[in-house]
């Protein structure tokens, strides 16, 4: 999971230069642990990221770009579990 989240970090960092509201520390927390409960990932570019198994309970994903992301067994902000891309 760490390898695929490296690409996520690079993409989010590039996106951050133009319009960022997400907290870089929260993005690093997601990268390091696969968990980011109550994180601010709003406006983050999570496109094509492997978020399989990530825990995002109460995270702010407003306007986050997530097209093509793998959400296999991912716990979403509302507590639901998504199995997309399994």
PDB file of N, CA and C in Angstrom:
ATOM      1  N   UNK A   1       0.817  -1.179   0.000  1.00  0.00           N
ATOM      2  CA  UNK A   1       0.000   0.000   0.000  1.00  0.00           C
ATOM      3  C   UNK A   1       0.873   1.259   0.000  1.00  0.00           C
ATOM      4  N   UNK A   2       2.032   1.197   0.672  1.00  0.00           N
ATOM      5  CA  UNK A   2       2.897   2.376   0.743  1.00  0.00           C
ATOM      6  C   UNK A   2       3.402   2.795  -0.630  1.00  0.00           C
ATOM      7  N   UNK A   3       3.710   1.820  -1.485  1.00  0.00           N
ATOM      8  CA  UNK A   3       4.222   2.141  -2.810  1.00  0.00           C
ATOM      9  C   UNK A   3       3.181   2.904  -3.625  1.00  0.00           C
ATOM     10  N   UNK A   4       1.938   2.438  -3.609  1.00  0.00           N
ATOM     11  CA  UNK A   4       0.915   3.118  -4.394  1.00  0.00           C
ATOM     12  C   UNK A   4       0.555   4.470  -3.799  1.00  0.00           C
ATOM     13  N   UNK A   5       0.676   4.612  -2.489  1.00  0.00           N
ATOM     14  CA  UNK A   5       0.384   5.897  -1.883  1.00  0.00           C
ATOM     15  C   UNK A   5       1.498   6.910  -2.131  1.00  0.00           C
ATOM     16  N   UNK A   6       2.676   6.443  -2.544  1.00  0.00           N
ATOM     17  CA  UNK A   6       3.743   7.372  -2.913  1.00  0.00           C
ATOM     18  C   UNK A   6       3.306   8.198  -4.118  1.00  0.00           C
ATOM     19  N   UNK A   7       2.707   7.533  -5.089  1.00  0.00           N
ATOM     20  CA  UNK A   7       2.197   8.244  -6.264  1.00  0.00           C
ATOM     21  C   UNK A   7       1.108   9.225  -5.852  1.00  0.00           C
ATOM     22  N   UNK A   8       0.299   8.828  -4.896  1.00  0.00           N
ATOM     23  CA  UNK A   8      -0.744   9.696  -4.364  1.00  0.00           C
ATOM     24  C   UNK A   8      -0.131  10.965  -3.781  1.00  0.00           C
ATOM     25  N   UNK A   9       0.927  10.831  -3.038  1.00  0.00           N
ATOM     26  CA  UNK A   9       1.583  11.977  -2.422  1.00  0.00           C
ATOM     27  C   UNK A   9       2.119  12.932  -3.476  1.00  0.00           C
ATOM     28  N   UNK A  10       2.760  12.389  -4.487  1.00  0.00           N
ATOM     29  CA  UNK A  10       3.310  13.223  -5.562  1.00  0.00           C
ATOM     30  C   UNK A  10       2.193  13.971  -6.280  1.00  0.00           C
ATOM     31  N   UNK A  11       1.138  13.252  -6.619  1.00  0.00           N
ATOM     32  CA  UNK A  11       0.020  13.883  -7.327  1.00  0.00           C
ATOM     33  C   UNK A  11      -0.633  14.959  -6.471  1.00  0.00           C
ATOM     34  N   UNK A  12      -0.833  14.663  -5.219  1.00  0.00           N
ATOM     35  CA  UNK A  12      -1.465  15.638  -4.329  1.00  0.00           C
ATOM     36  C   UNK A  12      -0.582  16.856  -4.115  1.00  0.00           C
ATOM     37  N   UNK A  13       0.708  16.651  -4.064  1.00  0.00           N
ATOM     38  CA  UNK A  13       1.633  17.768  -3.884  1.00  0.00           C
ATOM     39  C   UNK A  13       1.597  18.686  -5.098  1.00  0.00           C
ATOM     40  N   UNK A  14       1.584  18.102  -6.285  1.00  0.00           N
ATOM     41  CA  UNK A  14       1.501  18.911  -7.499  1.00  0.00           C
ATOM     42  C   UNK A  14       0.196  19.686  -7.546  1.00  0.00           C
ATOM     43  N   UNK A  15      -0.881  19.026  -7.179  1.00  0.00           N
ATOM     44  CA  UNK A  15      -2.189  19.669  -7.168  1.00  0.00           C
ATOM     45  C   UNK A  15      -2.234  20.764  -6.110  1.00  0.00           C
ATOM     46  N   UNK A  16      -1.517  20.585  -5.028  1.00  0.00           N
ATOM     47  CA  UNK A  16      -1.542  21.528  -3.909  1.00  0.00           C
ATOM     48  C   UNK A  16      -1.028  22.904  -4.309  1.00  0.00           C
ATOM     49  N   UNK A  17      -0.143  22.937  -5.273  1.00  0.00           N
ATOM     50  CA  UNK A  17       0.421  24.210  -5.682  1.00  0.00           C
ATOM     51  C   UNK A  17      -0.623  25.137  -6.279  1.00  0.00           C
ATOM     52  N   UNK A  18      -1.667  24.562  -6.913  1.00  0.00           N
ATOM     53  CA  UNK A  18      -2.650  25.408  -7.568  1.00  0.00           C
ATOM     54  C   UNK A  18      -3.827  25.760  -6.668  1.00  0.00           C
ATOM     55  N   UNK A  19      -4.370  24.796  -5.957  1.00  0.00           N
ATOM     56  CA  UNK A  19      -5.530  25.060  -5.096  1.00  0.00           C
ATOM     57  C   UNK A  19      -5.585  23.982  -4.036  1.00  0.00           C
ATOM     58  N   UNK A  20      -5.253  24.344  -2.832  1.00  0.00           N
ATOM     59  CA  UNK A  20      -5.188  23.337  -1.789  1.00  0.00           C
ATOM     60  C   UNK A  20      -5.947  23.754  -0.553  1.00  0.00           C
ATOM     61  N   UNK A  21      -6.707  22.816  -0.044  1.00  0.00           N
ATOM     62  CA  UNK A  21      -7.348  23.031   1.245  1.00  0.00           C
ATOM     63  C   UNK A  21      -7.036  21.855   2.144  1.00  0.00           C
ATOM     64  N   UNK A  22      -6.484  20.784   1.563  1.00  0.00           N
ATOM     65  CA  UNK A  22      -6.189  19.614   2.384  1.00  0.00           C
ATOM     66  C   UNK A  22      -4.972  19.868   3.257  1.00  0.00           C
ATOM     67  N   UNK A  23      -4.908  19.113   4.338  1.00  0.00           N
ATOM     68  CA  UNK A  23      -3.792  19.239   5.271  1.00  0.00           C
ATOM     69  C   UNK A  23      -2.692  18.264   4.854  1.00  0.00           C
ATOM     70  N   UNK A  24      -1.521  18.740   4.487  1.00  0.00           N
ATOM     71  CA  UNK A  24      -0.432  17.849   4.070  1.00  0.00           C
ATOM     72  C   UNK A  24      -0.067  16.809   5.130  1.00  0.00           C
ATOM     73  N   UNK A  25      -0.201  17.162   6.392  1.00  0.00           N
ATOM     74  CA  UNK A  25       0.076  16.195   7.460  1.00  0.00           C
ATOM     75  C   UNK A  25      -0.930  15.048   7.436  1.00  0.00           C
ATOM     76  N   UNK A  26      -2.186  15.374   7.104  1.00  0.00           N
ATOM     77  CA  UNK A  26      -3.203  14.329   7.004  1.00  0.00           C
ATOM     78  C   UNK A  26      -2.918  13.402   5.833  1.00  0.00           C
ATOM     79  N   UNK A  27      -2.472  13.974   4.717  1.00  0.00           N
ATOM     80  CA  UNK A  27      -2.123  13.153   3.567  1.00  0.00           C
ATOM     81  C   UNK A  27      -0.952  12.232   3.903  1.00  0.00           C
ATOM     82  N   UNK A  28       0.010  12.735   4.634  1.00  0.00           N
ATOM     83  CA  UNK A  28       1.148  11.912   5.054  1.00  0.00           C
ATOM     84  C   UNK A  28       0.685  10.805   5.999  1.00  0.00           C
ATOM     85  N   UNK A  29      -0.238  11.130   6.883  1.00  0.00           N
ATOM     86  CA  UNK A  29      -0.794  10.131   7.806  1.00  0.00           C
ATOM     87  C   UNK A  29      -1.454   9.001   7.014  1.00  0.00           C
ATOM     88  N   UNK A  30      -2.230   9.354   5.983  1.00  0.00           N
ATOM     89  CA  UNK A  30      -2.866   8.344   5.133  1.00  0.00           C
ATOM     90  C   UNK A  30      -1.805   7.496   4.452  1.00  0.00           C
ATOM     91  N   UNK A  31      -0.775   8.138   3.936  1.00  0.00           N
ATOM     92  CA  UNK A  31       0.301   7.422   3.251  1.00  0.00           C
ATOM     93  C   UNK A  31       1.014   6.451   4.188  1.00  0.00           C
ATOM     94  N   UNK A  32       1.314   6.902   5.387  1.00  0.00           N
ATOM     95  CA  UNK A  32       2.088   6.094   6.327  1.00  0.00           C
ATOM     96  C   UNK A  32       1.305   4.961   6.972  1.00  0.00           C
ATOM     97  N   UNK A  33       0.023   5.212   7.264  1.00  0.00           N
ATOM     98  CA  UNK A  33      -0.741   4.246   8.058  1.00  0.00           C
ATOM     99  C   UNK A  33      -1.921   3.611   7.339  1.00  0.00           C
ATOM    100  N   UNK A  34      -2.380   4.235   6.248  1.00  0.00           N
ATOM    101  CA  UNK A  34      -3.593   3.746   5.587  1.00  0.00           C
ATOM    102  C   UNK A  34      -4.847   4.123   6.352  1.00  0.00           C
ATOM    103  N   UNK A  35      -4.687   4.949   7.369  1.00  0.00           N
ATOM    104  CA  UNK A  35      -5.819   5.407   8.172  1.00  0.00           C
ATOM    105  C   UNK A  35      -5.773   6.921   8.248  1.00  0.00           C
ATOM    106  N   UNK A  36      -6.947   7.520   8.130  1.00  0.00           N
ATOM    107  CA  UNK A  36      -6.987   8.978   8.181  1.00  0.00           C
ATOM    108  C   UNK A  36      -8.352   9.435   8.673  1.00  0.00           C
ATOM    109  N   UNK A  37      -8.761   8.910   9.809  1.00  0.00           N
ATOM    110  CA  UNK A  37     -10.039   9.306  10.397  1.00  0.00           C
ATOM    111  C   UNK A  37      -9.982  10.782  10.769  1.00  0.00           C
ATOM    112  N   UNK A  38     -11.048  11.490  10.456  1.00  0.00           N
ATOM    113  CA  UNK A  38     -11.192  12.917  10.748  1.00  0.00           C
ATOM    114  C   UNK A  38     -10.143  13.787  10.062  1.00  0.00           C
ATOM    115  N   UNK A  39      -9.582  13.310   8.965  1.00  0.00           N
ATOM    116  CA  UNK A  39      -8.582  14.078   8.213  1.00  0.00           C
ATOM    117  C   UNK A  39      -9.242  15.068   7.263  1.00  0.00           C
ATOM    118  N   UNK A  40      -8.499  16.094   6.897  1.00  0.00           N
ATOM    119  CA  UNK A  40      -8.937  17.042   5.884  1.00  0.00           C
ATOM    120  C   UNK A  40      -8.213  16.717   4.587  1.00  0.00           C
ATOM    121  N   UNK A  41      -8.933  16.044   3.686  1.00  0.00           N
ATOM    122  CA  UNK A  41      -8.398  15.722   2.362  1.00  0.00           C
ATOM    123  C   UNK A  41      -9.183  16.454   1.279  1.00  0.00           C
ATOM    124  N   UNK A  42      -9.850  17.539   1.670  1.00  0.00           N
ATOM    125  CA  UNK A  42     -10.643  18.297   0.711  1.00  0.00           C
ATOM    126  C   UNK A  42      -9.734  18.864  -0.375  1.00  0.00           C
ATOM    127  N   UNK A  43     -10.187  18.754  -1.592  1.00  0.00           N
ATOM    128  CA  UNK A  43      -9.462  19.212  -2.784  1.00  0.00           C
ATOM    129  C   UNK A  43      -8.207  18.407  -3.100  1.00  0.00           C
ATOM    130  N   UNK A  44      -7.961  17.320  -2.396  1.00  0.00           N
ATOM    131  CA  UNK A  44      -6.776  16.499  -2.686  1.00  0.00           C
ATOM    132  C   UNK A  44      -6.989  15.714  -3.970  1.00  0.00           C
ATOM    133  N   UNK A  45      -5.932  15.507  -4.718  1.00  0.00           N
ATOM    134  CA  UNK A  45      -5.985  14.704  -5.929  1.00  0.00           C
ATOM    135  C   UNK A  45      -5.648  13.264  -5.556  1.00  0.00           C
ATOM    136  N   UNK A  46      -6.685  12.445  -5.407  1.00  0.00           N
ATOM    137  CA  UNK A  46      -6.522  11.039  -5.056  1.00  0.00           C
ATOM    138  C   UNK A  46      -6.783  10.158  -6.276  1.00  0.00           C
ATOM    139  N   UNK A  47      -6.720  10.747  -7.453  1.00  0.00           N
ATOM    140  CA  UNK A  47      -7.011  10.043  -8.701  1.00  0.00           C
ATOM    141  C   UNK A  47      -6.084   8.847  -8.870  1.00  0.00           C
ATOM    142  N   UNK A  48      -6.696   7.693  -9.143  1.00  0.00           N
ATOM    143  CA  UNK A  48      -5.992   6.429  -9.392  1.00  0.00           C
ATOM    144  C   UNK A  48      -5.190   5.928  -8.193  1.00  0.00           C
ATOM    145  N   UNK A  49      -5.456   6.442  -7.013  1.00  0.00           N
ATOM    146  CA  UNK A  49      -4.740   5.989  -5.815  1.00  0.00           C
ATOM    147  C   UNK A  49      -5.289   4.645  -5.351  1.00  0.00           C
ATOM    148  N   UNK A  50      -4.449   3.831  -4.795  1.00  0.00           N
ATOM    149  CA  UNK A  50      -4.892   2.585  -4.183  1.00  0.00           C
ATOM    150  C   UNK A  50      -5.203   2.881  -2.722  1.00  0.00           C
ATOM    151  N   UNK A  51      -6.479   3.043  -2.436  1.00  0.00           N
ATOM    152  CA  UNK A  51      -6.934   3.325  -1.080  1.00  0.00           C
ATOM    153  C   UNK A  51      -7.535   2.078  -0.448  1.00  0.00           C
ATOM    154  N   UNK A  52      -7.188   0.920  -1.001  1.00  0.00           N
ATOM    155  CA  UNK A  52      -7.703  -0.342  -0.478  1.00  0.00           C
ATOM    156  C   UNK A  52      -7.396  -0.505   0.994  1.00  0.00           C
ATOM    157  N   UNK A  53      -8.424  -0.759   1.781  1.00  0.00           N
ATOM    158  CA  UNK A  53      -8.269  -0.977   3.207  1.00  0.00           C
ATOM    159  C   UNK A  53      -8.117   0.294   4.029  1.00  0.00           C
ATOM    160  N   UNK A  54      -8.141   1.447   3.385  1.00  0.00           N
ATOM    161  CA  UNK A  54      -7.989   2.707   4.124  1.00  0.00           C
ATOM    162  C   UNK A  54      -9.212   2.970   5.002  1.00  0.00           C
ATOM    163  N   UNK A  55      -8.975   3.617   6.123  1.00  0.00           N
ATOM    164  CA  UNK A  55     -10.044   4.010   7.043  1.00  0.00           C
ATOM    165  C   UNK A  55     -10.152   5.524   6.987  1.00  0.00           C
ATOM    166  N   UNK A  56     -11.278   6.003   6.452  1.00  0.00           N
ATOM    167  CA  UNK A  56     -11.473   7.439   6.239  1.00  0.00           C
ATOM    168  C   UNK A  56     -12.678   7.965   7.021  1.00  0.00           C
ATOM    169  N   UNK A  57     -12.982   7.349   8.156  1.00  0.00           N
ATOM    170  CA  UNK A  57     -14.156   7.741   8.939  1.00  0.00           C
ATOM    171  C   UNK A  57     -14.060   9.213   9.320  1.00  0.00           C
ATOM    172  N   UNK A  58     -15.137   9.952   9.024  1.00  0.00           N
ATOM    173  CA  UNK A  58     -15.254  11.384   9.316  1.00  0.00           C
ATOM    174  C   UNK A  58     -14.208  12.242   8.614  1.00  0.00           C
ATOM    175  N   UNK A  59     -13.536  11.702   7.605  1.00  0.00           N
ATOM    176  CA  UNK A  59     -12.582  12.512   6.833  1.00  0.00           C
ATOM    177  C   UNK A  59     -13.358  13.467   5.922  1.00  0.00           C
ATOM    178  N   UNK A  60     -12.771  14.613   5.635  1.00  0.00           N
ATOM    179  CA  UNK A  60     -13.369  15.578   4.718  1.00  0.00           C
ATOM    180  C   UNK A  60     -12.809  15.305   3.324  1.00  0.00           C
ATOM    181  N   UNK A  61     -13.663  14.769   2.455  1.00  0.00           N
ATOM    182  CA  UNK A  61     -13.260  14.487   1.073  1.00  0.00           C
ATOM    183  C   UNK A  61     -13.937  15.432   0.088  1.00  0.00           C
ATOM    184  N   UNK A  62     -14.419  16.568   0.566  1.00  0.00           N
ATOM    185  CA  UNK A  62     -15.103  17.528  -0.301  1.00  0.00           C
ATOM    186  C   UNK A  62     -14.207  17.928  -1.465  1.00  0.00           C
ATOM    187  N   UNK A  63     -14.730  17.776  -2.652  1.00  0.00           N
ATOM    188  CA  UNK A  63     -14.039  18.144  -3.887  1.00  0.00           C
ATOM    189  C   UNK A  63     -12.752  17.364  -4.131  1.00  0.00           C
ATOM    190  N   UNK A  64     -12.533  16.285  -3.401  1.00  0.00           N
ATOM    191  CA  UNK A  64     -11.367  15.431  -3.676  1.00  0.00           C
ATOM    192  C   UNK A  64     -11.595  14.713  -5.001  1.00  0.00           C
ATOM    193  N   UNK A  65     -10.556  14.603  -5.798  1.00  0.00           N
ATOM    194  CA  UNK A  65     -10.625  13.913  -7.083  1.00  0.00           C
ATOM    195  C   UNK A  65     -10.275  12.453  -6.822  1.00  0.00           C
ATOM    196  N   UNK A  66     -11.237  11.545  -7.093  1.00  0.00           N
ATOM    197  CA  UNK A  66     -11.025  10.136  -6.762  1.00  0.00           C
ATOM    198  C   UNK A  66     -11.287   9.199  -7.940  1.00  0.00           C
ATOM    199  N   UNK A  67     -11.413   9.729  -9.162  1.00  0.00           N
ATOM    200  CA  UNK A  67     -11.659   8.894 -10.325  1.00  0.00           C
ATOM    201  C   UNK A  67     -10.563   7.852 -10.470  1.00  0.00           C
ATOM    202  N   UNK A  68     -10.979   6.605 -10.657  1.00  0.00           N
ATOM    203  CA  UNK A  68     -10.037   5.521 -10.884  1.00  0.00           C
ATOM    204  C   UNK A  68      -9.379   4.990  -9.624  1.00  0.00           C
ATOM    205  N   UNK A  69      -9.720   5.529  -8.473  1.00  0.00           N
ATOM    206  CA  UNK A  69      -9.124   5.049  -7.223  1.00  0.00           C
ATOM    207  C   UNK A  69      -9.654   3.664  -6.873  1.00  0.00           C
ATOM    208  N   UNK A  70      -8.799   2.858  -6.301  1.00  0.00           N
ATOM    209  CA  UNK A  70      -9.201   1.543  -5.809  1.00  0.00           C
ATOM    210  C   UNK A  70      -9.683   1.728  -4.378  1.00  0.00           C
ATOM    211  N   UNK A  71     -10.928   1.320  -4.142  1.00  0.00           N
ATOM    212  CA  UNK A  71     -11.537   1.499  -2.833  1.00  0.00           C
ATOM    213  C   UNK A  71     -11.926   0.154  -2.237  1.00  0.00           C
ATOM    214  N   UNK A  72     -11.144  -0.865  -2.490  1.00  0.00           N
ATOM    215  CA  UNK A  72     -11.448  -2.216  -2.020  1.00  0.00           C
ATOM    216  C   UNK A  72     -11.354  -2.283  -0.494  1.00  0.00           C
ATOM    217  N   UNK A  73     -12.487  -2.543   0.152  1.00  0.00           N
ATOM    218  CA  UNK A  73     -12.547  -2.658   1.612  1.00  0.00           C
ATOM    219  C   UNK A  73     -12.150  -1.344   2.289  1.00  0.00           C
ATOM    220  N   UNK A  74     -12.543  -0.232   1.678  1.00  0.00           N
ATOM    221  CA  UNK A  74     -12.239   1.092   2.206  1.00  0.00           C
ATOM    222  C   UNK A  74     -13.406   1.596   3.038  1.00  0.00           C
ATOM    223  N   UNK A  75     -13.127   2.050   4.248  1.00  0.00           N
ATOM    224  CA  UNK A  75     -14.157   2.615   5.112  1.00  0.00           C
ATOM    225  C   UNK A  75     -14.260   4.104   4.814  1.00  0.00           C
ATOM    226  N   UNK A  76     -15.427   4.497   4.330  1.00  0.00           N
ATOM    227  CA  UNK A  76     -15.645   5.871   3.893  1.00  0.00           C
ATOM    228  C   UNK A  76     -16.016   6.773   5.076  1.00  0.00           C
ATOM    229  N   UNK A  77     -16.069   8.107   4.846  1.00  0.00           N
ATOM    230  CA  UNK A  77     -16.351   9.033   5.942  1.00  0.00           C
ATOM    231  C   UNK A  77     -17.642   8.748   6.715  1.00  0.00           C
ATOM    232  N   UNK A  78     -18.656   8.226   6.029  1.00  0.00           N
ATOM    233  CA  UNK A  78     -19.915   7.939   6.712  1.00  0.00           C
ATOM    234  C   UNK A  78     -19.929   6.585   7.408  1.00  0.00           C
ATOM    235  N   UNK A  79     -18.819   5.865   7.354  1.00  0.00           N
ATOM    236  CA  UNK A  79     -18.722   4.553   7.997  1.00  0.00           C
ATOM    237  C   UNK A  79     -19.053   3.392   7.088  1.00  0.00           C
ATOM    238  N   UNK A  80     -19.559   3.673   5.888  1.00  0.00           N
ATOM    239  CA  UNK A  80     -19.866   2.592   4.947  1.00  0.00           C
ATOM    240  C   UNK A  80     -18.555   2.028   4.392  1.00  0.00           C
ATOM    241  N   UNK A  81     -18.598   0.773   3.971  1.00  0.00           N
ATOM    242  CA  UNK A  81     -17.423   0.127   3.399  1.00  0.00           C
ATOM    243  C   UNK A  81     -17.654  -0.075   1.914  1.00  0.00           C
ATOM    244  N   UNK A  82     -16.694   0.343   1.109  1.00  0.00           N
ATOM    245  CA  UNK A  82     -16.782   0.256  -0.351  1.00  0.00           C
ATOM    246  C   UNK A  82     -15.886  -0.898  -0.799  1.00  0.00           C
ATOM    247  N   UNK A  83     -16.350  -1.621  -1.821  1.00  0.00           N
ATOM    248  CA  UNK A  83     -15.581  -2.753  -2.350  1.00  0.00           C
ATOM    249  C   UNK A  83     -15.247  -2.559  -3.829  1.00  0.00           C
ATOM    250  N   UNK A  84     -15.116  -1.324  -4.273  1.00  0.00           N
ATOM    251  CA  UNK A  84     -14.815  -1.017  -5.662  1.00  0.00           C
ATOM    252  C   UNK A  84     -13.352  -1.338  -5.977  1.00  0.00           C
ATOM    253  N   UNK A  85     -13.138  -2.096  -7.019  1.00  0.00           N
ATOM    254  CA  UNK A  85     -11.780  -2.394  -7.450  1.00  0.00           C
ATOM    255  C   UNK A  85     -11.162  -3.615  -6.812  1.00  0.00           C
ATOM    256  N   UNK A  86     -11.980  -4.391  -6.101  1.00  0.00           N
ATOM    257  CA  UNK A  86     -11.449  -5.614  -5.450  1.00  0.00           C
ATOM    258  C   UNK A  86     -11.165  -6.695  -6.480  1.00  0.00           C
TER     259      UNK A  86
END
